[in-house]
Every structure is written in C-alpha cells, then in structure tokens.
Amino acid sequence: MRGYFSIGVEDISKGFNLGNLVRTAHAFGASSFFTINASVSYAEVKSSDTSHADIHLPFYAYKNLEEFKLPKECALVGVELLEEASDLPSFRHPMRAAYVLGARKIEVTLAYKQNRSHH
C-alpha cells in the first residue's frame, strides 16, 4: 500500500462511539486517528475498542480546530451526507488523506469546508 490515511472525528461526546470508530479505523488499516474537541470518557473508549488500537495507532487529541494541523500535502476529506457530496463508489481517494467525521447532529465545521480538498 502506498500513501497513508488518518481518520478523525469532531465534537464527539460518546466514548463507546469513539471506541468503535477507533477499532474500525484500525481494522481498515488507518495510519492514525484523531479527535477535535472531544468530550468523552476514555475509559468507555478503551472498553469498546476491543482491538486495543491505542497500542497500534498513533492517537492525536486536539483541543480545538486551531490546534489541528495537517501534514504537508495531506488532503482533508469531510465525510458527511450532503447533496453536493461525491458518491462513495465513484470517489477517488487521495494518496495522503485525513478523513474527518462530524457530530451526528451537525455538519463538519465550516472551517473544514473552507479548507478541505474533498467532500
């Protein structure tokens, strides 16, 4: 496999959901995982991440969007259901990408929309 990808989530508040996302990212071969503005119980994260991804993947916890920085030449991809979004089967994945999921009840932050490469 060439390139890399990271998966992250913004404004998550349920530790069990985060644990499931981290476990899934690990299962699909993610290079790292990140959170932005998470407010979760990390004990819940560990109990739902049965793959123990925390010992296999770098995990970055950013307090806010201002702290979040992408590696050089890494494309930011917002993952959400929008009319203007690309259909997943036809989407060409970048060689170096950070996929970010927003909170279920809100869209990915406007700052992402202004700076991301894909959606």
N, C-alpha and C. Protein backbone atom coordinates (compact mmCIF):
# COMPACT_ATOMS: atom_id res chain seq x y z
N MET A 1 0.84 -1.18 0.00
CA MET A 1 0.00 0.00 0.00
C MET A 1 0.89 1.24 0.00
N ARG A 2 0.53 2.19 -0.82
CA ARG A 2 1.27 3.44 -0.88
C ARG A 2 0.43 4.54 -0.26
N GLY A 3 1.09 5.55 0.24
CA GLY A 3 0.36 6.65 0.85
C GLY A 3 -0.07 6.29 2.26
N TYR A 4 -0.99 7.09 2.78
CA TYR A 4 -1.50 6.85 4.14
C TYR A 4 -2.85 7.53 4.28
N PHE A 5 -3.56 7.13 5.33
CA PHE A 5 -4.78 7.85 5.69
C PHE A 5 -4.97 7.83 7.19
N SER A 6 -5.59 8.89 7.65
CA SER A 6 -5.93 9.04 9.05
C SER A 6 -7.43 9.26 9.13
N ILE A 7 -8.03 8.83 10.20
CA ILE A 7 -9.46 9.04 10.41
C ILE A 7 -9.63 9.81 11.71
N GLY A 8 -10.53 10.78 11.66
CA GLY A 8 -10.77 11.58 12.85
C GLY A 8 -12.23 11.97 12.97
N VAL A 9 -12.53 12.54 14.12
CA VAL A 9 -13.91 12.94 14.41
C VAL A 9 -13.89 14.23 15.20
N GLU A 10 -14.89 15.05 14.93
CA GLU A 10 -15.00 16.35 15.61
C GLU A 10 -16.22 16.34 16.53
N ASP A 11 -16.06 16.92 17.71
CA ASP A 11 -17.16 17.12 18.66
C ASP A 11 -17.87 15.84 19.10
N ILE A 12 -17.15 14.76 19.25
CA ILE A 12 -17.78 13.52 19.69
C ILE A 12 -17.97 13.57 21.21
N SER A 13 -19.09 13.02 21.68
CA SER A 13 -19.39 13.08 23.11
C SER A 13 -19.67 11.71 23.73
N LYS A 14 -19.65 10.67 22.94
CA LYS A 14 -19.93 9.33 23.47
C LYS A 14 -18.69 8.44 23.31
N GLY A 15 -18.12 8.05 24.44
CA GLY A 15 -16.90 7.25 24.45
C GLY A 15 -17.03 5.93 23.73
N PHE A 16 -18.18 5.27 23.87
CA PHE A 16 -18.37 3.99 23.19
C PHE A 16 -18.36 4.16 21.68
N ASN A 17 -18.95 5.24 21.18
CA ASN A 17 -18.92 5.50 19.73
C ASN A 17 -17.49 5.75 19.26
N LEU A 18 -16.73 6.51 20.03
CA LEU A 18 -15.35 6.77 19.66
C LEU A 18 -14.54 5.47 19.65
N GLY A 19 -14.74 4.64 20.64
CA GLY A 19 -14.05 3.35 20.67
C GLY A 19 -14.35 2.51 19.45
N ASN A 20 -15.61 2.50 19.03
CA ASN A 20 -15.99 1.75 17.82
C ASN A 20 -15.32 2.33 16.58
N LEU A 21 -15.25 3.67 16.49
CA LEU A 21 -14.60 4.30 15.34
C LEU A 21 -13.10 4.00 15.31
N VAL A 22 -12.45 4.07 16.46
CA VAL A 22 -11.02 3.78 16.52
C VAL A 22 -10.76 2.32 16.13
N ARG A 23 -11.57 1.42 16.64
CA ARG A 23 -11.43 -0.01 16.31
C ARG A 23 -11.61 -0.23 14.81
N THR A 24 -12.60 0.44 14.21
CA THR A 24 -12.86 0.30 12.78
C THR A 24 -11.71 0.90 11.96
N ALA A 25 -11.21 2.06 12.37
CA ALA A 25 -10.08 2.67 11.68
C ALA A 25 -8.88 1.71 11.68
N HIS A 26 -8.63 1.10 12.82
CA HIS A 26 -7.53 0.14 12.93
C HIS A 26 -7.77 -1.06 12.01
N ALA A 27 -8.98 -1.58 11.99
CA ALA A 27 -9.30 -2.74 11.16
C ALA A 27 -9.12 -2.46 9.67
N PHE A 28 -9.38 -1.22 9.25
CA PHE A 28 -9.25 -0.86 7.84
C PHE A 28 -7.87 -0.33 7.48
N GLY A 29 -6.94 -0.37 8.42
CA GLY A 29 -5.56 -0.03 8.11
C GLY A 29 -5.19 1.44 8.19
N ALA A 30 -5.92 2.22 8.97
CA ALA A 30 -5.58 3.63 9.13
C ALA A 30 -4.18 3.78 9.72
N SER A 31 -3.53 4.87 9.36
CA SER A 31 -2.18 5.14 9.88
C SER A 31 -2.23 5.84 11.23
N SER A 32 -3.35 6.52 11.52
CA SER A 32 -3.51 7.21 12.80
C SER A 32 -4.98 7.57 12.98
N PHE A 33 -5.29 8.08 14.17
CA PHE A 33 -6.64 8.52 14.49
C PHE A 33 -6.54 9.83 15.25
N PHE A 34 -7.53 10.72 15.05
CA PHE A 34 -7.50 11.99 15.76
C PHE A 34 -8.91 12.41 16.18
N THR A 35 -8.96 13.23 17.22
CA THR A 35 -10.21 13.85 17.65
C THR A 35 -9.98 15.35 17.74
N ILE A 36 -11.06 16.10 17.55
CA ILE A 36 -11.03 17.54 17.72
C ILE A 36 -12.21 17.89 18.62
N ASN A 37 -11.91 18.55 19.73
CA ASN A 37 -12.95 18.99 20.66
C ASN A 37 -13.80 17.82 21.18
N ALA A 38 -13.15 16.73 21.52
CA ALA A 38 -13.88 15.57 22.05
C ALA A 38 -14.16 15.76 23.53
N SER A 39 -15.31 15.31 23.96
CA SER A 39 -15.65 15.32 25.39
C SER A 39 -16.19 13.94 25.73
N VAL A 40 -15.26 13.01 25.94
CA VAL A 40 -15.63 11.61 26.16
C VAL A 40 -14.91 11.06 27.38
N SER A 41 -15.42 9.95 27.85
CA SER A 41 -14.75 9.19 28.90
C SER A 41 -13.82 8.20 28.20
N TYR A 42 -12.52 8.37 28.42
CA TYR A 42 -11.57 7.47 27.75
C TYR A 42 -11.64 6.05 28.31
N ALA A 43 -12.21 5.88 29.48
CA ALA A 43 -12.46 4.52 29.99
C ALA A 43 -13.49 3.82 29.10
N GLU A 44 -14.53 4.55 28.66
CA GLU A 44 -15.52 3.99 27.73
C GLU A 44 -14.88 3.67 26.39
N VAL A 45 -14.00 4.53 25.94
CA VAL A 45 -13.31 4.30 24.66
C VAL A 45 -12.55 2.98 24.73
N LYS A 46 -11.77 2.81 25.78
CA LYS A 46 -10.98 1.58 25.93
C LYS A 46 -11.86 0.35 26.04
N SER A 47 -12.98 0.45 26.69
CA SER A 47 -13.83 -0.74 26.86
C SER A 47 -14.54 -1.13 25.57
N SER A 48 -14.76 -0.20 24.66
CA SER A 48 -15.43 -0.55 23.40
C SER A 48 -14.44 -0.80 22.27
N ASP A 49 -13.18 -0.44 22.46
CA ASP A 49 -12.15 -0.72 21.45
C ASP A 49 -11.49 -2.06 21.79
N THR A 50 -12.13 -3.12 21.37
CA THR A 50 -11.65 -4.46 21.70
C THR A 50 -10.40 -4.87 20.94
N SER A 51 -10.01 -4.08 19.93
CA SER A 51 -8.79 -4.38 19.16
C SER A 51 -7.55 -3.78 19.82
N HIS A 52 -7.76 -2.97 20.86
CA HIS A 52 -6.66 -2.27 21.54
C HIS A 52 -5.87 -1.42 20.54
N ALA A 53 -6.60 -0.70 19.71
CA ALA A 53 -5.99 0.13 18.67
C ALA A 53 -5.02 1.14 19.25
N ASP A 54 -5.22 1.54 20.50
CA ASP A 54 -4.35 2.55 21.10
C ASP A 54 -2.89 2.11 21.19
N ILE A 55 -2.63 0.81 21.13
CA ILE A 55 -1.23 0.35 21.15
C ILE A 55 -0.71 0.13 19.72
N HIS A 56 -1.58 0.26 18.72
CA HIS A 56 -1.18 0.04 17.33
C HIS A 56 -1.20 1.30 16.48
N LEU A 57 -2.01 2.29 16.86
CA LEU A 57 -2.17 3.51 16.08
C LEU A 57 -1.78 4.74 16.90
N PRO A 58 -1.09 5.69 16.29
CA PRO A 58 -0.93 6.98 16.97
C PRO A 58 -2.31 7.62 17.12
N PHE A 59 -2.58 8.18 18.28
CA PHE A 59 -3.85 8.84 18.57
C PHE A 59 -3.57 10.28 18.96
N TYR A 60 -4.17 11.22 18.23
CA TYR A 60 -3.96 12.64 18.47
C TYR A 60 -5.26 13.27 18.94
N ALA A 61 -5.23 13.89 20.11
CA ALA A 61 -6.41 14.57 20.66
C ALA A 61 -6.16 16.07 20.65
N TYR A 62 -6.84 16.77 19.74
CA TYR A 62 -6.70 18.22 19.63
C TYR A 62 -7.83 18.88 20.43
N LYS A 63 -7.49 19.91 21.19
CA LYS A 63 -8.50 20.60 22.00
C LYS A 63 -9.47 21.39 21.15
N ASN A 64 -9.00 21.90 20.02
CA ASN A 64 -9.86 22.73 19.18
C ASN A 64 -9.33 22.71 17.74
N LEU A 65 -10.07 23.32 16.85
CA LEU A 65 -9.71 23.34 15.44
C LEU A 65 -8.40 24.08 15.19
N GLU A 66 -8.11 25.10 15.99
CA GLU A 66 -6.88 25.87 15.82
C GLU A 66 -5.64 25.02 16.05
N GLU A 67 -5.72 24.03 16.93
CA GLU A 67 -4.58 23.13 17.20
C GLU A 67 -4.35 22.13 16.07
N PHE A 68 -5.39 21.80 15.35
CA PHE A 68 -5.33 20.76 14.32
C PHE A 68 -4.49 21.20 13.12
N LYS A 69 -3.48 20.42 12.77
CA LYS A 69 -2.64 20.70 11.62
C LYS A 69 -2.50 19.45 10.77
N LEU A 70 -2.62 19.63 9.46
CA LEU A 70 -2.44 18.52 8.53
C LEU A 70 -0.97 18.39 8.13
N PRO A 71 -0.52 17.16 7.90
CA PRO A 71 0.83 17.00 7.35
C PRO A 71 0.91 17.62 5.95
N LYS A 72 2.09 17.93 5.51
CA LYS A 72 2.32 18.51 4.18
C LYS A 72 1.72 17.60 3.11
N GLU A 73 1.00 18.20 2.18
CA GLU A 73 0.38 17.52 1.03
C GLU A 73 -0.67 16.47 1.42
N CYS A 74 -1.25 16.61 2.59
CA CYS A 74 -2.31 15.71 3.02
C CYS A 74 -3.65 16.38 2.72
N ALA A 75 -4.53 15.66 2.04
CA ALA A 75 -5.86 16.19 1.69
C ALA A 75 -6.83 15.96 2.84
N LEU A 76 -7.61 16.96 3.16
CA LEU A 76 -8.65 16.85 4.16
C LEU A 76 -9.95 16.46 3.46
N VAL A 77 -10.57 15.37 3.90
CA VAL A 77 -11.79 14.88 3.29
C VAL A 77 -12.89 14.86 4.34
N GLY A 78 -13.93 15.66 4.14
CA GLY A 78 -15.08 15.65 5.04
C GLY A 78 -16.00 14.50 4.67
N VAL A 79 -16.40 13.72 5.66
CA VAL A 79 -17.30 12.58 5.43
C VAL A 79 -18.65 12.93 6.03
N GLU A 80 -19.60 13.21 5.14
CA GLU A 80 -20.94 13.56 5.59
C GLU A 80 -21.93 13.38 4.45
N LEU A 81 -23.19 13.33 4.79
CA LEU A 81 -24.24 13.17 3.79
C LEU A 81 -24.74 14.54 3.36
N LEU A 82 -24.32 14.96 2.17
CA LEU A 82 -24.72 16.24 1.62
C LEU A 82 -25.12 16.05 0.16
N GLU A 83 -26.01 16.88 -0.33
CA GLU A 83 -26.42 16.80 -1.72
C GLU A 83 -25.23 16.92 -2.67
N GLU A 84 -24.30 17.85 -2.38
CA GLU A 84 -23.19 18.11 -3.28
C GLU A 84 -22.01 17.15 -3.10
N ALA A 85 -22.12 16.22 -2.18
CA ALA A 85 -21.02 15.29 -1.90
C ALA A 85 -20.86 14.26 -3.02
N SER A 86 -19.64 13.76 -3.15
CA SER A 86 -19.37 12.68 -4.10
C SER A 86 -19.93 11.38 -3.58
N ASP A 87 -20.46 10.55 -4.46
CA ASP A 87 -20.90 9.22 -4.06
C ASP A 87 -19.67 8.38 -3.74
N LEU A 88 -19.73 7.62 -2.68
CA LEU A 88 -18.57 6.86 -2.23
C LEU A 88 -18.03 5.90 -3.30
N PRO A 89 -18.87 5.15 -4.03
CA PRO A 89 -18.32 4.23 -5.03
C PRO A 89 -17.50 4.91 -6.13
N SER A 90 -17.79 6.17 -6.44
CA SER A 90 -17.06 6.86 -7.52
C SER A 90 -16.00 7.82 -7.00
N PHE A 91 -15.85 7.94 -5.70
CA PHE A 91 -14.89 8.87 -5.11
C PHE A 91 -13.46 8.37 -5.30
N ARG A 92 -12.59 9.20 -5.82
CA ARG A 92 -11.16 8.86 -5.96
C ARG A 92 -10.45 9.30 -4.68
N HIS A 93 -9.99 8.33 -3.93
CA HIS A 93 -9.35 8.63 -2.65
C HIS A 93 -7.94 9.17 -2.87
N PRO A 94 -7.60 10.26 -2.18
CA PRO A 94 -6.25 10.81 -2.30
C PRO A 94 -5.20 9.84 -1.74
N MET A 95 -3.97 9.97 -2.21
CA MET A 95 -2.89 9.10 -1.73
C MET A 95 -2.57 9.39 -0.26
N ARG A 96 -2.72 10.65 0.14
CA ARG A 96 -2.46 11.06 1.52
C ARG A 96 -3.69 11.82 1.98
N ALA A 97 -4.44 11.24 2.93
CA ALA A 97 -5.72 11.85 3.30
C ALA A 97 -6.00 11.77 4.79
N ALA A 98 -6.71 12.77 5.26
CA ALA A 98 -7.26 12.77 6.62
C ALA A 98 -8.77 12.88 6.45
N TYR A 99 -9.48 11.84 6.83
CA TYR A 99 -10.94 11.81 6.75
C TYR A 99 -11.49 12.27 8.09
N VAL A 100 -12.39 13.23 8.07
CA VAL A 100 -12.96 13.72 9.32
C VAL A 100 -14.48 13.59 9.28
N LEU A 101 -15.02 13.04 10.36
CA LEU A 101 -16.46 12.88 10.51
C LEU A 101 -16.93 13.93 11.51
N GLY A 102 -18.08 14.52 11.25
CA GLY A 102 -18.65 15.50 12.17
C GLY A 102 -19.58 14.83 13.15
N ALA A 103 -20.04 15.61 14.10
CA ALA A 103 -21.03 15.11 15.06
C ALA A 103 -22.30 14.74 14.30
N ARG A 104 -23.02 13.78 14.78
CA ARG A 104 -24.20 13.27 14.09
C ARG A 104 -25.25 14.34 13.84
N LYS A 105 -25.40 15.25 14.76
CA LYS A 105 -26.47 16.23 14.66
C LYS A 105 -26.09 17.49 13.90
N ILE A 106 -24.80 17.68 13.62
CA ILE A 106 -24.36 18.89 12.91
C ILE A 106 -23.39 18.51 11.80
N GLU A 107 -23.21 19.41 10.85
CA GLU A 107 -22.26 19.18 9.78
C GLU A 107 -20.83 19.45 10.27
N VAL A 108 -19.86 18.96 9.50
CA VAL A 108 -18.47 19.24 9.80
C VAL A 108 -18.28 20.76 9.80
N THR A 109 -17.48 21.26 10.71
CA THR A 109 -17.27 22.70 10.90
C THR A 109 -17.01 23.44 9.60
N LEU A 110 -17.54 24.64 9.51
CA LEU A 110 -17.38 25.48 8.32
C LEU A 110 -15.91 25.66 7.97
N ALA A 111 -15.04 25.75 8.95
CA ALA A 111 -13.61 25.92 8.67
C ALA A 111 -13.08 24.76 7.84
N TYR A 112 -13.58 23.55 8.09
CA TYR A 112 -13.17 22.42 7.28
C TYR A 112 -13.64 22.62 5.85
N LYS A 113 -14.89 23.05 5.71
CA LYS A 113 -15.44 23.22 4.37
C LYS A 113 -14.64 24.22 3.57
N GLN A 114 -14.10 25.22 4.22
CA GLN A 114 -13.32 26.24 3.53
C GLN A 114 -11.92 25.73 3.18
N ASN A 115 -11.38 24.78 3.94
CA ASN A 115 -10.00 24.35 3.75
C ASN A 115 -9.85 22.94 3.20
N ARG A 116 -10.88 22.15 3.20
CA ARG A 116 -10.71 20.76 2.79
C ARG A 116 -10.62 20.63 1.28
N SER A 117 -10.03 19.56 0.85
CA SER A 117 -9.83 19.31 -0.56
C SER A 117 -11.01 18.59 -1.20
N HIS A 118 -11.69 17.77 -0.41
CA HIS A 118 -12.75 16.90 -0.94
C HIS A 118 -13.92 16.83 0.04
N HIS A 119 -15.09 16.45 -0.47
CA HIS A 119 -16.24 16.14 0.39
C HIS A 119 -17.17 15.22 -0.35
